[in-house]
Amino acid sequence: MLRWAIIALVVALIAGVLGFGGIAGAAVGIAKILFYIFIALFVIMLLMNFMGRGRGV
């Protein structure tokens, strides 16, 4: 998922350089959404890992 966020960011940068403001803004918005989803999933998995260690499994 982080890969998709990076791809969207690159598309936004290229579109910004070429002068396509609307496309660049949309791509940046998509990249931000994917980034926040990735961060949320990372935190959830991190918490699940810490909770699982307390059981002695």
Foldseek 3Di string as FASTA:
>chain_A
DLVQLVVLQVVLVVCVVVPNNVSNVVSNVVSVVVVVVVVVVVVVVVVVVVVVVVVVD
